[in-house]
PDB file of N, CA and C in Angstrom:
ATOM      1  N   MET A   1     192.729-165.935  78.732  1.00  0.00           N
ATOM      2  CA  MET A   1     194.071-166.039  79.287  1.00  0.00           C
ATOM      3  C   MET A   1     194.844-164.733  79.064  1.00  0.00           C
ATOM      4  N   ARG A   2     194.758-164.161  77.866  1.00  0.00           N
ATOM      5  CA  ARG A   2     195.471-162.911  77.581  1.00  0.00           C
ATOM      6  C   ARG A   2     194.954-161.772  78.458  1.00  0.00           C
ATOM      7  N   ARG A   3     193.659-161.739  78.663  1.00  0.00           N
ATOM      8  CA  ARG A   3     193.071-160.689  79.495  1.00  0.00           C
ATOM      9  C   ARG A   3     193.590-160.813  80.927  1.00  0.00           C
ATOM     10  N   ARG A   4     193.662-162.032  81.419  1.00  0.00           N
ATOM     11  CA  ARG A   4     194.150-162.256  82.785  1.00  0.00           C
ATOM     12  C   ARG A   4     195.615-161.836  82.909  1.00  0.00           C
ATOM     13  N   LEU A   5     196.439-162.185  81.917  1.00  0.00           N
ATOM     14  CA  LEU A   5     197.840-161.767  81.935  1.00  0.00           C
ATOM     15  C   LEU A   5     197.968-160.251  81.876  1.00  0.00           C
ATOM     16  N   ALA A   6     197.124-159.613  81.071  1.00  0.00           N
ATOM     17  CA  ALA A   6     197.154-158.152  80.976  1.00  0.00           C
ATOM     18  C   ALA A   6     196.871-157.510  82.333  1.00  0.00           C
ATOM     19  N   VAL A   7     195.915-158.055  83.063  1.00  0.00           N
ATOM     20  CA  VAL A   7     195.590-157.526  84.394  1.00  0.00           C
ATOM     21  C   VAL A   7     196.773-157.739  85.346  1.00  0.00           C
ATOM     22  N   LEU A   8     197.378-158.913  85.304  1.00  0.00           N
ATOM     23  CA  LEU A   8     198.518-159.202  86.187  1.00  0.00           C
ATOM     24  C   LEU A   8     199.705-158.292  85.872  1.00  0.00           C
ATOM     25  N   ARG A   9     199.916-157.986  84.600  1.00  0.00           N
ATOM     26  CA  ARG A   9     200.985-157.054  84.225  1.00  0.00           C
ATOM     27  C   ARG A   9     200.660-155.644  84.698  1.00  0.00           C
ATOM     28  N   ARG A  10     199.436-155.230  84.487  1.00  0.00           N
ATOM     29  CA  ARG A  10     199.015-153.879  84.827  1.00  0.00           C
ATOM     30  C   ARG A  10     199.121-153.613  86.329  1.00  0.00           C
ATOM     31  N   ASN A  11     198.716-154.587  87.144  1.00  0.00           N
ATOM     32  CA  ASN A  11     198.781-154.366  88.601  1.00  0.00           C
ATOM     33  C   ASN A  11     200.121-154.821  89.199  1.00  0.00           C
ATOM     34  N   ARG A  12     201.047-155.154  88.350  1.00  0.00           N
ATOM     35  CA  ARG A  12     202.427-155.504  88.722  1.00  0.00           C
ATOM     36  C   ARG A  12     202.538-156.745  89.589  1.00  0.00           C
ATOM     37  N   THR A  13     201.575-157.646  89.460  1.00  0.00           N
ATOM     38  CA  THR A  13     201.696-158.950  90.116  1.00  0.00           C
ATOM     39  C   THR A  13     202.819-159.741  89.451  1.00  0.00           C
ATOM     40  N   ILE A  14     202.917-159.624  88.134  1.00  0.00           N
ATOM     41  CA  ILE A  14     204.023-160.233  87.400  1.00  0.00           C
ATOM     42  C   ILE A  14     205.205-159.280  87.527  1.00  0.00           C
ATOM     43  N   GLN A  15     206.256-159.729  88.192  1.00  0.00           N
ATOM     44  CA  GLN A  15     207.410-158.870  88.436  1.00  0.00           C
ATOM     45  C   GLN A  15     208.323-158.783  87.219  1.00  0.00           C
ATOM     46  N   SER A  16     208.436-159.870  86.468  1.00  0.00           N
ATOM     47  CA  SER A  16     209.262-159.854  85.262  1.00  0.00           C
ATOM     48  C   SER A  16     208.871-161.025  84.388  1.00  0.00           C
ATOM     49  N   GLU A  17     209.251-160.942  83.145  1.00  0.00           N
ATOM     50  CA  GLU A  17     209.013-162.021  82.196  1.00  0.00           C
ATOM     51  C   GLU A  17     210.342-162.384  81.558  1.00  0.00           C
ATOM     52  N   ILE A  18     210.511-163.674  81.262  1.00  0.00           N
ATOM     53  CA  ILE A  18     211.768-164.135  80.685  1.00  0.00           C
ATOM     54  C   ILE A  18     211.502-164.938  79.418  1.00  0.00           C
ATOM     55  N   ALA A  19     212.539-165.068  78.643  1.00  0.00           N
ATOM     56  CA  ALA A  19     212.494-165.940  77.468  1.00  0.00           C
ATOM     57  C   ALA A  19     213.561-167.006  77.658  1.00  0.00           C
ATOM     58  N   LEU A  20     213.210-168.254  77.440  1.00  0.00           N
ATOM     59  CA  LEU A  20     214.179-169.339  77.520  1.00  0.00           C
ATOM     60  C   LEU A  20     214.685-169.615  76.108  1.00  0.00           C
ATOM     61  N   LEU A  21     215.983-169.423  75.923  1.00  0.00           N
ATOM     62  CA  LEU A  21     216.590-169.576  74.612  1.00  0.00           C
ATOM     63  C   LEU A  21     217.242-170.945  74.493  1.00  0.00           C
ATOM     64  N   ASP A  22     217.227-171.495  73.298  1.00  0.00           N
ATOM     65  CA  ASP A  22     217.839-172.795  73.036  1.00  0.00           C
ATOM     66  C   ASP A  22     219.348-172.605  72.899  1.00  0.00           C
ATOM     67  N   PRO A  23     220.144-173.121  73.835  1.00  0.00           N
ATOM     68  CA  PRO A  23     221.594-172.930  73.768  1.00  0.00           C
ATOM     69  C   PRO A  23     222.213-173.461  72.478  1.00  0.00           C
ATOM     70  N   ALA A  24     221.685-174.553  71.956  1.00  0.00           N
ATOM     71  CA  ALA A  24     222.238-175.121  70.726  1.00  0.00           C
ATOM     72  C   ALA A  24     222.081-174.170  69.551  1.00  0.00           C
ATOM     73  N   VAL A  25     220.938-173.515  69.475  1.00  0.00           N
ATOM     74  CA  VAL A  25     220.699-172.552  68.392  1.00  0.00           C
ATOM     75  C   VAL A  25     221.653-171.366  68.529  1.00  0.00           C
ATOM     76  N   LEU A  26     221.962-170.975  69.761  1.00  0.00           N
ATOM     77  CA  LEU A  26     222.860-169.850  70.018  1.00  0.00           C
ATOM     78  C   LEU A  26     224.335-170.234  69.919  1.00  0.00           C
ATOM     79  N   GLY A  27     224.606-171.520  69.744  1.00  0.00           N
ATOM     80  CA  GLY A  27     225.997-171.968  69.704  1.00  0.00           C
ATOM     81  C   GLY A  27     226.639-172.021  71.070  1.00  0.00           C
ATOM     82  N   LYS A  28     225.835-172.153  72.115  1.00  0.00           N
ATOM     83  CA  LYS A  28     226.331-172.239  73.487  1.00  0.00           C
ATOM     84  C   LYS A  28     226.014-173.626  74.022  1.00  0.00           C
ATOM     85  N   GLY A  29     226.988-174.507  73.959  1.00  0.00           N
ATOM     86  CA  GLY A  29     226.756-175.900  74.287  1.00  0.00           C
ATOM     87  C   GLY A  29     226.905-176.278  75.741  1.00  0.00           C
ATOM     88  N   ILE A  30     227.540-175.421  76.541  1.00  0.00           N
ATOM     89  CA  ILE A  30     227.743-175.775  77.944  1.00  0.00           C
ATOM     90  C   ILE A  30     227.343-174.603  78.857  1.00  0.00           C
ATOM     91  N   VAL A  31     226.982-174.956  80.067  1.00  0.00           N
ATOM     92  CA  VAL A  31     226.762-173.974  81.131  1.00  0.00           C
ATOM     93  C   VAL A  31     227.644-174.414  82.293  1.00  0.00           C
ATOM     94  N   VAL A  32     228.475-173.497  82.770  1.00  0.00           N
ATOM     95  CA  VAL A  32     229.450-173.829  83.806  1.00  0.00           C
ATOM     96  C   VAL A  32     229.073-173.119  85.105  1.00  0.00           C
ATOM     97  N   LEU A  33     228.953-173.878  86.179  1.00  0.00           N
ATOM     98  CA  LEU A  33     228.763-173.303  87.511  1.00  0.00           C
ATOM     99  C   LEU A  33     230.136-172.854  87.996  1.00  0.00           C
ATOM    100  N   THR A  34     230.273-171.561  88.231  1.00  0.00           N
ATOM    101  CA  THR A  34     231.554-170.983  88.640  1.00  0.00           C
ATOM    102  C   THR A  34     231.383-170.360  90.018  1.00  0.00           C
ATOM    103  N   LEU A  35     232.130-170.861  90.982  1.00  0.00           N
ATOM    104  CA  LEU A  35     232.061-170.358  92.354  1.00  0.00           C
ATOM    105  C   LEU A  35     233.199-169.381  92.572  1.00  0.00           C
ATOM    106  N   MET A  36     232.862-168.201  93.095  1.00  0.00           N
ATOM    107  CA  MET A  36     233.838-167.135  93.242  1.00  0.00           C
ATOM    108  C   MET A  36     233.980-166.731  94.707  1.00  0.00           C
ATOM    109  N   SER A  37     235.225-166.445  95.101  1.00  0.00           N
ATOM    110  CA  SER A  37     235.512-165.894  96.430  1.00  0.00           C
ATOM    111  C   SER A  37     236.234-164.574  96.248  1.00  0.00           C
ATOM    112  N   LEU A  38     235.877-163.607  97.052  1.00  0.00           N
ATOM    113  CA  LEU A  38     236.551-162.317  97.046  1.00  0.00           C
ATOM    114  C   LEU A  38     237.597-162.299  98.150  1.00  0.00           C
ATOM    115  N   LYS A  39     238.778-161.768  97.851  1.00  0.00           N
ATOM    116  CA  LYS A  39     239.834-161.676  98.858  1.00  0.00           C
ATOM    117  C   LYS A  39     239.479-160.639  99.916  1.00  0.00           C
ATOM    118  N   LYS A  40     239.033-159.476  99.450  1.00  0.00           N
ATOM    119  CA  LYS A  40     238.627-158.396 100.344  1.00  0.00           C
ATOM    120  C   LYS A  40     237.140-158.184 100.142  1.00  0.00           C
ATOM    121  N   GLU A  41     236.407-157.983 101.242  1.00  0.00           N
ATOM    122  CA  GLU A  41     234.947-157.864 101.143  1.00  0.00           C
ATOM    123  C   GLU A  41     234.429-156.634 101.871  1.00  0.00           C
ATOM    124  N   THR A  42     233.649-155.868 101.154  1.00  0.00           N
ATOM    125  CA  THR A  42     232.853-154.777 101.721  1.00  0.00           C
ATOM    126  C   THR A  42     231.542-154.784 100.934  1.00  0.00           C
ATOM    127  N   PRO A  43     230.509-154.166 101.452  1.00  0.00           N
ATOM    128  CA  PRO A  43     229.273-154.105 100.669  1.00  0.00           C
ATOM    129  C   PRO A  43     229.488-153.486  99.284  1.00  0.00           C
ATOM    130  N   ARG A  44     230.310-152.448  99.213  1.00  0.00           N
ATOM    131  CA  ARG A  44     230.560-151.804  97.913  1.00  0.00           C
ATOM    132  C   ARG A  44     231.278-152.746  96.954  1.00  0.00           C
ATOM    133  N   ILE A  45     232.270-153.470  97.437  1.00  0.00           N
ATOM    134  CA  ILE A  45     232.999-154.416  96.590  1.00  0.00           C
ATOM    135  C   ILE A  45     232.052-155.484  96.071  1.00  0.00           C
ATOM    136  N   HIS A  46     231.194-156.003  96.945  1.00  0.00           N
ATOM    137  CA  HIS A  46     230.200-156.996  96.519  1.00  0.00           C
ATOM    138  C   HIS A  46     229.289-156.419  95.440  1.00  0.00           C
ATOM    139  N   ASN A  47     228.764-155.229  95.691  1.00  0.00           N
ATOM    140  CA  ASN A  47     227.838-154.607  94.724  1.00  0.00           C
ATOM    141  C   ASN A  47     228.515-154.322  93.393  1.00  0.00           C
ATOM    142  N   ASP A  48     229.749-153.825  93.435  1.00  0.00           N
ATOM    143  CA  ASP A  48     230.472-153.522  92.197  1.00  0.00           C
ATOM    144  C   ASP A  48     230.735-154.788  91.385  1.00  0.00           C
ATOM    145  N   PHE A  49     231.170-155.861  92.059  1.00  0.00           N
ATOM    146  CA  PHE A  49     231.422-157.117  91.359  1.00  0.00           C
ATOM    147  C   PHE A  49     230.131-157.643  90.745  1.00  0.00           C
ATOM    148  N   GLU A  50     229.070-157.660  91.538  1.00  0.00           N
ATOM    149  CA  GLU A  50     227.795-158.183  91.051  1.00  0.00           C
ATOM    150  C   GLU A  50     227.290-157.373  89.857  1.00  0.00           C
ATOM    151  N   ARG A  51     227.377-156.070  89.926  1.00  0.00           N
ATOM    152  CA  ARG A  51     226.920-155.212  88.824  1.00  0.00           C
ATOM    153  C   ARG A  51     227.750-155.481  87.560  1.00  0.00           C
ATOM    154  N   ARG A  52     229.060-155.564  87.730  1.00  0.00           N
ATOM    155  CA  ARG A  52     229.939-155.797  86.577  1.00  0.00           C
ATOM    156  C   ARG A  52     229.676-157.157  85.933  1.00  0.00           C
ATOM    157  N   ILE A  53     229.540-158.169  86.764  1.00  0.00           N
ATOM    158  CA  ILE A  53     229.417-159.526  86.238  1.00  0.00           C
ATOM    159  C   ILE A  53     228.042-159.759  85.621  1.00  0.00           C
ATOM    160  N   ARG A  54     227.002-159.136  86.169  1.00  0.00           N
ATOM    161  CA  ARG A  54     225.658-159.284  85.604  1.00  0.00           C
ATOM    162  C   ARG A  54     225.531-158.639  84.231  1.00  0.00           C
ATOM    163  N   ASN A  55     226.396-157.688  83.919  1.00  0.00           N
ATOM    164  CA  ASN A  55     226.365-157.043  82.611  1.00  0.00           C
ATOM    165  C   ASN A  55     227.117-157.827  81.540  1.00  0.00           C
ATOM    166  N   ASP A  56     227.758-158.911  81.933  1.00  0.00           N
ATOM    167  CA  ASP A  56     228.484-159.737  80.968  1.00  0.00           C
ATOM    168  C   ASP A  56     227.508-160.684  80.270  1.00  0.00           C
ATOM    169  N   ALA A  57     227.539-160.704  78.953  1.00  0.00           N
ATOM    170  CA  ALA A  57     226.579-161.494  78.169  1.00  0.00           C
ATOM    171  C   ALA A  57     226.683-162.997  78.426  1.00  0.00           C
ATOM    172  N   ALA A  58     227.836-163.487  78.825  1.00  0.00           N
ATOM    173  CA  ALA A  58     228.003-164.923  79.053  1.00  0.00           C
ATOM    174  C   ALA A  58     227.416-165.377  80.386  1.00  0.00           C
ATOM    175  N   VAL A  59     227.197-164.437  81.299  1.00  0.00           N
ATOM    176  CA  VAL A  59     226.685-164.790  82.633  1.00  0.00           C
ATOM    177  C   VAL A  59     225.164-164.895  82.579  1.00  0.00           C
ATOM    178  N   LEU A  60     224.678-166.107  82.786  1.00  0.00           N
ATOM    179  CA  LEU A  60     223.235-166.358  82.770  1.00  0.00           C
ATOM    180  C   LEU A  60     222.598-166.007  84.105  1.00  0.00           C
ATOM    181  N   GLN A  61     223.299-166.330  85.195  1.00  0.00           N
ATOM    182  CA  GLN A  61     222.792-166.058  86.542  1.00  0.00           C
ATOM    183  C   GLN A  61     223.966-165.710  87.447  1.00  0.00           C
ATOM    184  N   CYS A  62     223.698-164.845  88.418  1.00  0.00           N
ATOM    185  CA  CYS A  62     224.692-164.487  89.421  1.00  0.00           C
ATOM    186  C   CYS A  62     223.974-164.461  90.767  1.00  0.00           C
ATOM    187  N   HIS A  63     224.447-165.279  91.699  1.00  0.00           N
ATOM    188  CA  HIS A  63     223.812-165.373  93.020  1.00  0.00           C
ATOM    189  C   HIS A  63     224.839-165.106  94.107  1.00  0.00           C
ATOM    190  N   ARG A  64     224.468-164.285  95.096  1.00  0.00           N
ATOM    191  CA  ARG A  64     225.288-164.137  96.294  1.00  0.00           C
ATOM    192  C   ARG A  64     225.023-165.348  97.173  1.00  0.00           C
ATOM    193  N   ILE A  65     226.079-165.949  97.676  1.00  0.00           N
ATOM    194  CA  ILE A  65     225.929-167.124  98.531  1.00  0.00           C
ATOM    195  C   ILE A  65     226.780-166.938  99.777  1.00  0.00           C
ATOM    196  N   SER A  66     226.568-167.784 100.750  1.00  0.00           N
ATOM    197  CA  SER A  66     227.363-167.691 101.974  1.00  0.00           C
ATOM    198  C   SER A  66     228.186-168.952 102.131  1.00  0.00           C
ATOM    199  N   GLY A  67     229.170-168.870 102.990  1.00  0.00           N
ATOM    200  CA  GLY A  67     230.056-170.003 103.209  1.00  0.00           C
ATOM    201  C   GLY A  67     231.423-169.721 102.613  1.00  0.00           C
ATOM    202  N   GLU A  68     232.056-170.735 102.084  1.00  0.00           N
ATOM    203  CA  GLU A  68     233.412-170.611 101.536  1.00  0.00           C
ATOM    204  C   GLU A  68     233.462-169.666 100.335  1.00  0.00           C
ATOM    205  N   PHE A  69     232.397-169.629  99.556  1.00  0.00           N
ATOM    206  CA  PHE A  69     232.346-168.807  98.344  1.00  0.00           C
ATOM    207  C   PHE A  69     231.364-167.655  98.532  1.00  0.00           C
ATOM    208  N   ASP A  70     231.585-166.593  97.753  1.00  0.00           N
ATOM    209  CA  ASP A  70     230.743-165.398  97.848  1.00  0.00           C
ATOM    210  C   ASP A  70     229.692-165.324  96.744  1.00  0.00           C
ATOM    211  N   PHE A  71     230.015-165.853  95.564  1.00  0.00           N
ATOM    212  CA  PHE A  71     229.107-165.795  94.416  1.00  0.00           C
ATOM    213  C   PHE A  71     229.096-167.129  93.687  1.00  0.00           C
ATOM    214  N   ALA A  72     227.934-167.446  93.131  1.00  0.00           N
ATOM    215  CA  ALA A  72     227.784-168.584  92.219  1.00  0.00           C
ATOM    216  C   ALA A  72     227.311-168.013  90.888  1.00  0.00           C
ATOM    217  N   LEU A  73     228.091-168.265  89.846  1.00  0.00           N
ATOM    218  CA  LEU A  73     227.764-167.780  88.510  1.00  0.00           C
ATOM    219  C   LEU A  73     227.437-168.963  87.615  1.00  0.00           C
ATOM    220  N   PHE A  74     226.445-168.799  86.770  1.00  0.00           N
ATOM    221  CA  PHE A  74     226.188-169.760  85.715  1.00  0.00           C
ATOM    222  C   PHE A  74     226.607-169.075  84.424  1.00  0.00           C
ATOM    223  N   VAL A  75     227.627-169.630  83.773  1.00  0.00           N
ATOM    224  CA  VAL A  75     228.241-169.006  82.605  1.00  0.00           C
ATOM    225  C   VAL A  75     228.039-169.904  81.396  1.00  0.00           C
ATOM    226  N   SER A  76     227.553-169.321  80.290  1.00  0.00           N
ATOM    227  CA  SER A  76     227.349-170.097  79.074  1.00  0.00           C
ATOM    228  C   SER A  76     228.543-169.925  78.141  1.00  0.00           C
ATOM    229  N   ALA A  77     228.858-170.984  77.431  1.00  0.00           N
ATOM    230  CA  ALA A  77     229.961-170.964  76.461  1.00  0.00           C
ATOM    231  C   ALA A  77     229.708-172.046  75.417  1.00  0.00           C
ATOM    232  N   ALA A  78     230.341-171.899  74.290  1.00  0.00           N
ATOM    233  CA  ALA A  78     230.199-172.908  73.228  1.00  0.00           C
ATOM    234  C   ALA A  78     230.874-174.208  73.636  1.00  0.00           C
ATOM    235  N   ASP A  79     232.002-174.084  74.326  1.00  0.00           N
ATOM    236  CA  ASP A  79     232.786-175.266  74.701  1.00  0.00           C
ATOM    237  C   ASP A  79     233.753-174.852  75.815  1.00  0.00           C
ATOM    238  N   PRO A  80     234.496-175.814  76.383  1.00  0.00           N
ATOM    239  CA  PRO A  80     235.422-175.463  77.468  1.00  0.00           C
ATOM    240  C   PRO A  80     236.470-174.416  77.067  1.00  0.00           C
ATOM    241  N   ALA A  81     236.918-174.436  75.827  1.00  0.00           N
ATOM    242  CA  ALA A  81     237.918-173.459  75.384  1.00  0.00           C
ATOM    243  C   ALA A  81     237.346-172.039  75.434  1.00  0.00           C
ATOM    244  N   GLU A  82     236.095-171.874  74.998  1.00  0.00           N
ATOM    245  CA  GLU A  82     235.481-170.551  75.046  1.00  0.00           C
ATOM    246  C   GLU A  82     235.291-170.103  76.494  1.00  0.00           C
ATOM    247  N   TYR A  83     234.922-171.027  77.376  1.00  0.00           N
ATOM    248  CA  TYR A  83     234.795-170.697  78.802  1.00  0.00           C
ATOM    249  C   TYR A  83     236.147-170.247  79.358  1.00  0.00           C
ATOM    250  N   ASP A  84     237.210-170.935  78.985  1.00  0.00           N
ATOM    251  CA  ASP A  84     238.554-170.573  79.439  1.00  0.00           C
ATOM    252  C   ASP A  84     238.912-169.159  78.975  1.00  0.00           C
ATOM    253  N   LEU A  85     238.609-168.836  77.739  1.00  0.00           N
ATOM    254  CA  LEU A  85     238.873-167.487  77.225  1.00  0.00           C
ATOM    255  C   LEU A  85     238.063-166.435  77.994  1.00  0.00           C
ATOM    256  N   TRP A  86     236.801-166.780  78.302  1.00  0.00           N
ATOM    257  CA  TRP A  86     235.971-165.874  79.094  1.00  0.00           C
ATOM    258  C   TRP A  86     236.616-165.608  80.456  1.00  0.00           C
ATOM    259  N   GLY A  87     237.050-166.672  81.118  1.00  0.00           N
ATOM    260  CA  GLY A  87     237.683-166.528  82.430  1.00  0.00           C
ATOM    261  C   GLY A  87     238.933-165.665  82.372  1.00  0.00           C
ATOM    262  N   ARG A  88     239.727-165.847  81.321  1.00  0.00           N
ATOM    263  CA  ARG A  88     240.945-165.044  81.164  1.00  0.00           C
ATOM    264  C   ARG A  88     240.612-163.574  80.917  1.00  0.00           C
ATOM    265  N   ARG A  89     239.509-163.324  80.192  1.00  0.00           N
ATOM    266  CA  ARG A  89     239.131-161.958  79.857  1.00  0.00           C
ATOM    267  C   ARG A  89     238.418-161.257  81.014  1.00  0.00           C
ATOM    268  N   VAL A  90     237.541-161.999  81.729  1.00  0.00           N
ATOM    269  CA  VAL A  90     236.671-161.374  82.729  1.00  0.00           C
ATOM    270  C   VAL A  90     237.176-161.551  84.157  1.00  0.00           C
ATOM    271  N   LEU A  91     237.649-162.717  84.497  1.00  0.00           N
ATOM    272  CA  LEU A  91     238.001-163.001  85.883  1.00  0.00           C
ATOM    273  C   LEU A  91     239.447-162.697  86.241  1.00  0.00           C
ATOM    274  N   LEU A  92     240.386-163.128  85.404  1.00  0.00           N
ATOM    275  CA  LEU A  92     241.801-162.975  85.757  1.00  0.00           C
ATOM    276  C   LEU A  92     242.236-161.523  85.986  1.00  0.00           C
ATOM    277  N   PRO A  93     241.728-160.549  85.224  1.00  0.00           N
ATOM    278  CA  PRO A  93     242.155-159.169  85.479  1.00  0.00           C
ATOM    279  C   PRO A  93     241.712-158.628  86.849  1.00  0.00           C
ATOM    280  N   ASP A  94     240.731-159.248  87.474  1.00  0.00           N
ATOM    281  CA  ASP A  94     240.238-158.783  88.774  1.00  0.00           C
ATOM    282  C   ASP A  94     241.133-159.351  89.870  1.00  0.00           C
ATOM    283  N   GLY A  95     241.989-158.498  90.411  1.00  0.00           N
ATOM    284  CA  GLY A  95     242.939-158.949  91.432  1.00  0.00           C
ATOM    285  C   GLY A  95     242.321-159.289  92.775  1.00  0.00           C
ATOM    286  N   ASN A  96     241.015-159.112  92.928  1.00  0.00           N
ATOM    287  CA  ASN A  96     240.364-159.388  94.205  1.00  0.00           C
ATOM    288  C   ASN A  96     239.677-160.754  94.239  1.00  0.00           C
ATOM    289  N   LEU A  97     239.825-161.542  93.183  1.00  0.00           N
ATOM    290  CA  LEU A  97     239.168-162.860  93.143  1.00  0.00           C
ATOM    291  C   LEU A  97     240.127-163.956  93.572  1.00  0.00           C
TER     292      LEU A  97
END
């Protein structure tokens, strides 16, 4: 099995590897689906928002979506109060949301 994985890594069949962490051990008890809409949209604005938000440690996933909302974020937090603080720190300062 290890030899087969080594070959898949070497020939880049495996694009990436992930580790699944136990949220309870990390003190992160909730995951919140957060739907975001941008007031003004350009490819650069989308790319800048996505780059900024993906670098935030609380954001587990960031997906571009279509329809009423532009992005779907999965955000981890210990509890609703911590999520609220995250939103105040990360989202509220962005006047384009």
